[in-house]
Amino acid sequence: MLLMRISRCFARLREYQRRRYSRRQLLELDLHQLKDIGLSRVDAVREGRKPFWKE
């Protein structure tokens, strides 16, 4: 039971780290790259500035 909780906690931390990294990378894309993935600069900034704990 305790091991399962610890495992879930680490999984959540990894997910937070992944979100933080992805959102920072999104803020570094140029307009051409954003267009390729179907996002505007406004969309990218909105997503990129979200706290890591929010989906």
PDB file of N, CA and C in Angstrom:
ATOM      1  N   MET A   1       0.825  -1.194   0.000  1.00  0.00           N
ATOM      2  CA  MET A   1       0.000   0.000   0.000  1.00  0.00           C
ATOM      3  C   MET A   1       0.873   1.263   0.000  1.00  0.00           C
ATOM      4  N   LEU A   2       1.832   1.315   0.907  1.00  0.00           N
ATOM      5  CA  LEU A   2       2.728   2.467   0.970  1.00  0.00           C
ATOM      6  C   LEU A   2       3.559   2.575  -0.308  1.00  0.00           C
ATOM      7  N   LEU A   3       4.041   1.446  -0.777  1.00  0.00           N
ATOM      8  CA  LEU A   3       4.834   1.445  -2.014  1.00  0.00           C
ATOM      9  C   LEU A   3       4.012   1.954  -3.195  1.00  0.00           C
ATOM     10  N   MET A   4       2.743   1.597  -3.221  1.00  0.00           N
ATOM     11  CA  MET A   4       1.858   2.042  -4.288  1.00  0.00           C
ATOM     12  C   MET A   4       1.670   3.568  -4.232  1.00  0.00           C
ATOM     13  N   ARG A   5       1.513   4.115  -3.050  1.00  0.00           N
ATOM     14  CA  ARG A   5       1.357   5.563  -2.894  1.00  0.00           C
ATOM     15  C   ARG A   5       2.626   6.305  -3.308  1.00  0.00           C
ATOM     16  N   ILE A   6       3.756   5.765  -2.918  1.00  0.00           N
ATOM     17  CA  ILE A   6       5.034   6.372  -3.287  1.00  0.00           C
ATOM     18  C   ILE A   6       5.206   6.346  -4.803  1.00  0.00           C
ATOM     19  N   SER A   7       4.851   5.234  -5.405  1.00  0.00           N
ATOM     20  CA  SER A   7       4.942   5.096  -6.853  1.00  0.00           C
ATOM     21  C   SER A   7       4.055   6.120  -7.556  1.00  0.00           C
ATOM     22  N   ARG A   8       2.841   6.308  -7.067  1.00  0.00           N
ATOM     23  CA  ARG A   8       1.928   7.300  -7.652  1.00  0.00           C
ATOM     24  C   ARG A   8       2.472   8.716  -7.484  1.00  0.00           C
ATOM     25  N   CYS A   9       3.073   8.963  -6.356  1.00  0.00           N
ATOM     26  CA  CYS A   9       3.656  10.280  -6.098  1.00  0.00           C
ATOM     27  C   CYS A   9       4.786  10.575  -7.091  1.00  0.00           C
ATOM     28  N   PHE A  10       5.653   9.605  -7.313  1.00  0.00           N
ATOM     29  CA  PHE A  10       6.740   9.790  -8.287  1.00  0.00           C
ATOM     30  C   PHE A  10       6.200   9.941  -9.701  1.00  0.00           C
ATOM     31  N   ALA A  11       5.153   9.209 -10.018  1.00  0.00           N
ATOM     32  CA  ALA A  11       4.542   9.333 -11.348  1.00  0.00           C
ATOM     33  C   ALA A  11       3.979  10.738 -11.537  1.00  0.00           C
ATOM     34  N   ARG A  12       3.346  11.261 -10.510  1.00  0.00           N
ATOM     35  CA  ARG A  12       2.801  12.615 -10.588  1.00  0.00           C
ATOM     36  C   ARG A  12       3.926  13.636 -10.740  1.00  0.00           C
ATOM     37  N   LEU A  13       5.004  13.465 -10.015  1.00  0.00           N
ATOM     38  CA  LEU A  13       6.145  14.375 -10.130  1.00  0.00           C
ATOM     39  C   LEU A  13       6.750  14.338 -11.532  1.00  0.00           C
ATOM     40  N   ARG A  14       6.843  13.144 -12.116  1.00  0.00           N
ATOM     41  CA  ARG A  14       7.355  13.030 -13.487  1.00  0.00           C
ATOM     42  C   ARG A  14       6.428  13.745 -14.471  1.00  0.00           C
ATOM     43  N   GLU A  15       5.120  13.610 -14.260  1.00  0.00           N
ATOM     44  CA  GLU A  15       4.157  14.286 -15.124  1.00  0.00           C
ATOM     45  C   GLU A  15       4.292  15.807 -14.992  1.00  0.00           C
ATOM     46  N   TYR A  16       4.459  16.306 -13.781  1.00  0.00           N
ATOM     47  CA  TYR A  16       4.656  17.739 -13.574  1.00  0.00           C
ATOM     48  C   TYR A  16       5.919  18.218 -14.282  1.00  0.00           C
ATOM     49  N   GLN A  17       6.966  17.433 -14.174  1.00  0.00           N
ATOM     50  CA  GLN A  17       8.226  17.797 -14.819  1.00  0.00           C
ATOM     51  C   GLN A  17       8.068  17.820 -16.340  1.00  0.00           C
ATOM     52  N   ARG A  18       7.357  16.840 -16.880  1.00  0.00           N
ATOM     53  CA  ARG A  18       7.118  16.782 -18.320  1.00  0.00           C
ATOM     54  C   ARG A  18       6.322  17.990 -18.793  1.00  0.00           C
ATOM     55  N   ARG A  19       5.267  18.345 -18.047  1.00  0.00           N
ATOM     56  CA  ARG A  19       4.463  19.522 -18.418  1.00  0.00           C
ATOM     57  C   ARG A  19       5.300  20.792 -18.392  1.00  0.00           C
ATOM     58  N   ARG A  20       6.095  20.946 -17.350  1.00  0.00           N
ATOM     59  CA  ARG A  20       6.919  22.149 -17.212  1.00  0.00           C
ATOM     60  C   ARG A  20       7.881  22.273 -18.395  1.00  0.00           C
ATOM     61  N   TYR A  21       8.534  21.165 -18.736  1.00  0.00           N
ATOM     62  CA  TYR A  21       9.472  21.156 -19.844  1.00  0.00           C
ATOM     63  C   TYR A  21       8.755  21.460 -21.165  1.00  0.00           C
ATOM     64  N   SER A  22       7.641  20.800 -21.411  1.00  0.00           N
ATOM     65  CA  SER A  22       6.905  20.989 -22.660  1.00  0.00           C
ATOM     66  C   SER A  22       6.420  22.424 -22.816  1.00  0.00           C
ATOM     67  N   ARG A  23       5.936  22.987 -21.736  1.00  0.00           N
ATOM     68  CA  ARG A  23       5.431  24.355 -21.805  1.00  0.00           C
ATOM     69  C   ARG A  23       6.546  25.359 -22.031  1.00  0.00           C
ATOM     70  N   ARG A  24       7.691  25.126 -21.443  1.00  0.00           N
ATOM     71  CA  ARG A  24       8.838  26.013 -21.700  1.00  0.00           C
ATOM     72  C   ARG A  24       9.279  25.908 -23.157  1.00  0.00           C
ATOM     73  N   GLN A  25       9.281  24.704 -23.686  1.00  0.00           N
ATOM     74  CA  GLN A  25       9.673  24.507 -25.086  1.00  0.00           C
ATOM     75  C   GLN A  25       8.680  25.198 -26.014  1.00  0.00           C
ATOM     76  N   LEU A  26       7.420  25.133 -25.676  1.00  0.00           N
ATOM     77  CA  LEU A  26       6.388  25.770 -26.488  1.00  0.00           C
ATOM     78  C   LEU A  26       6.629  27.276 -26.593  1.00  0.00           C
ATOM     79  N   LEU A  27       7.062  27.891 -25.511  1.00  0.00           N
ATOM     80  CA  LEU A  27       7.326  29.331 -25.517  1.00  0.00           C
ATOM     81  C   LEU A  27       8.526  29.699 -26.393  1.00  0.00           C
ATOM     82  N   GLU A  28       9.365  28.739 -26.695  1.00  0.00           N
ATOM     83  CA  GLU A  28      10.558  29.012 -27.502  1.00  0.00           C
ATOM     84  C   GLU A  28      10.351  28.810 -29.000  1.00  0.00           C
ATOM     85  N   LEU A  29       9.196  28.292 -29.397  1.00  0.00           N
ATOM     86  CA  LEU A  29       8.949  28.061 -30.822  1.00  0.00           C
ATOM     87  C   LEU A  29       8.729  29.378 -31.550  1.00  0.00           C
ATOM     88  N   ASP A  30       9.199  29.425 -32.800  1.00  0.00           N
ATOM     89  CA  ASP A  30       8.948  30.629 -33.603  1.00  0.00           C
ATOM     90  C   ASP A  30       7.587  30.504 -34.291  1.00  0.00           C
ATOM     91  N   LEU A  31       7.176  31.562 -34.981  1.00  0.00           N
ATOM     92  CA  LEU A  31       5.846  31.589 -35.587  1.00  0.00           C
ATOM     93  C   LEU A  31       5.644  30.484 -36.631  1.00  0.00           C
ATOM     94  N   HIS A  32       6.687  30.194 -37.391  1.00  0.00           N
ATOM     95  CA  HIS A  32       6.587  29.140 -38.409  1.00  0.00           C
ATOM     96  C   HIS A  32       6.355  27.781 -37.739  1.00  0.00           C
ATOM     97  N   GLN A  33       7.096  27.509 -36.687  1.00  0.00           N
ATOM     98  CA  GLN A  33       6.931  26.239 -35.976  1.00  0.00           C
ATOM     99  C   GLN A  33       5.552  26.144 -35.330  1.00  0.00           C
ATOM    100  N   LEU A  34       5.087  27.242 -34.766  1.00  0.00           N
ATOM    101  CA  LEU A  34       3.751  27.245 -34.170  1.00  0.00           C
ATOM    102  C   LEU A  34       2.683  26.982 -35.229  1.00  0.00           C
ATOM    103  N   LYS A  35       2.855  27.598 -36.402  1.00  0.00           N
ATOM    104  CA  LYS A  35       1.898  27.382 -37.489  1.00  0.00           C
ATOM    105  C   LYS A  35       1.874  25.913 -37.896  1.00  0.00           C
ATOM    106  N   ASP A  36       3.044  25.276 -37.921  1.00  0.00           N
ATOM    107  CA  ASP A  36       3.132  23.865 -38.285  1.00  0.00           C
ATOM    108  C   ASP A  36       2.327  22.971 -37.344  1.00  0.00           C
ATOM    109  N   ILE A  37       2.242  23.358 -36.081  1.00  0.00           N
ATOM    110  CA  ILE A  37       1.486  22.535 -35.128  1.00  0.00           C
ATOM    111  C   ILE A  37       0.087  23.093 -34.866  1.00  0.00           C
ATOM    112  N   GLY A  38      -0.271  24.143 -35.617  1.00  0.00           N
ATOM    113  CA  GLY A  38      -1.629  24.675 -35.548  1.00  0.00           C
ATOM    114  C   GLY A  38      -1.929  25.565 -34.355  1.00  0.00           C
ATOM    115  N   LEU A  39      -0.916  26.261 -33.866  1.00  0.00           N
ATOM    116  CA  LEU A  39      -1.114  27.168 -32.741  1.00  0.00           C
ATOM    117  C   LEU A  39      -0.723  28.584 -33.113  1.00  0.00           C
ATOM    118  N   SER A  40      -1.397  29.533 -32.502  1.00  0.00           N
ATOM    119  CA  SER A  40      -0.999  30.935 -32.642  1.00  0.00           C
ATOM    120  C   SER A  40      -0.055  31.274 -31.502  1.00  0.00           C
ATOM    121  N   ARG A  41       0.585  32.429 -31.594  1.00  0.00           N
ATOM    122  CA  ARG A  41       1.466  32.873 -30.509  1.00  0.00           C
ATOM    123  C   ARG A  41       0.652  33.037 -29.227  1.00  0.00           C
ATOM    124  N   VAL A  42      -0.565  33.556 -29.340  1.00  0.00           N
ATOM    125  CA  VAL A  42      -1.428  33.745 -28.166  1.00  0.00           C
ATOM    126  C   VAL A  42      -1.724  32.397 -27.500  1.00  0.00           C
ATOM    127  N   ASP A  43      -2.048  31.396 -28.309  1.00  0.00           N
ATOM    128  CA  ASP A  43      -2.313  30.050 -27.766  1.00  0.00           C
ATOM    129  C   ASP A  43      -1.081  29.508 -27.050  1.00  0.00           C
ATOM    130  N   ALA A  44       0.070  29.670 -27.677  1.00  0.00           N
ATOM    131  CA  ALA A  44       1.313  29.151 -27.104  1.00  0.00           C
ATOM    132  C   ALA A  44       1.644  29.832 -25.787  1.00  0.00           C
ATOM    133  N   VAL A  45       1.473  31.133 -25.741  1.00  0.00           N
ATOM    134  CA  VAL A  45       1.762  31.869 -24.499  1.00  0.00           C
ATOM    135  C   VAL A  45       0.769  31.468 -23.414  1.00  0.00           C
ATOM    136  N   ARG A  46      -0.490  31.350 -23.777  1.00  0.00           N
ATOM    137  CA  ARG A  46      -1.508  30.949 -22.805  1.00  0.00           C
ATOM    138  C   ARG A  46      -1.174  29.584 -22.204  1.00  0.00           C
ATOM    139  N   GLU A  47      -0.829  28.644 -23.056  1.00  0.00           N
ATOM    140  CA  GLU A  47      -0.478  27.300 -22.569  1.00  0.00           C
ATOM    141  C   GLU A  47       0.864  27.306 -21.848  1.00  0.00           C
ATOM    142  N   GLY A  48       1.821  28.019 -22.393  1.00  0.00           N
ATOM    143  CA  GLY A  48       3.161  28.041 -21.823  1.00  0.00           C
ATOM    144  C   GLY A  48       3.250  28.668 -20.451  1.00  0.00           C
ATOM    145  N   ARG A  49       2.328  29.550 -20.146  1.00  0.00           N
ATOM    146  CA  ARG A  49       2.355  30.229 -18.850  1.00  0.00           C
ATOM    147  C   ARG A  49       1.499  29.551 -17.789  1.00  0.00           C
ATOM    148  N   LYS A  50       0.842  28.459 -18.158  1.00  0.00           N
ATOM    149  CA  LYS A  50       0.067  27.718 -17.159  1.00  0.00           C
ATOM    150  C   LYS A  50       1.006  27.127 -16.118  1.00  0.00           C
ATOM    151  N   PRO A  51       0.578  27.082 -14.876  1.00  0.00           N
ATOM    152  CA  PRO A  51       1.381  26.400 -13.864  1.00  0.00           C
ATOM    153  C   PRO A  51       1.477  24.900 -14.184  1.00  0.00           C
ATOM    154  N   PHE A  52       2.565  24.290 -13.807  1.00  0.00           N
ATOM    155  CA  PHE A  52       2.792  22.879 -14.159  1.00  0.00           C
ATOM    156  C   PHE A  52       1.749  21.938 -13.582  1.00  0.00           C
ATOM    157  N   TRP A  53       1.097  22.335 -12.515  1.00  0.00           N
ATOM    158  CA  TRP A  53       0.126  21.443 -11.876  1.00  0.00           C
ATOM    159  C   TRP A  53      -1.252  21.488 -12.542  1.00  0.00           C
ATOM    160  N   LYS A  54      -1.460  22.428 -13.469  1.00  0.00           N
ATOM    161  CA  LYS A  54      -2.736  22.495 -14.162  1.00  0.00           C
ATOM    162  C   LYS A  54      -2.645  21.784 -15.504  1.00  0.00           C
ATOM    163  N   GLU A  55      -3.695  21.054 -15.817  1.00  0.00           N
ATOM    164  CA  GLU A  55      -3.724  20.336 -17.102  1.00  0.00           C
ATOM    165  C   GLU A  55      -4.117  21.259 -18.212  1.00  0.00           C
TER     166      GLU A  55
END
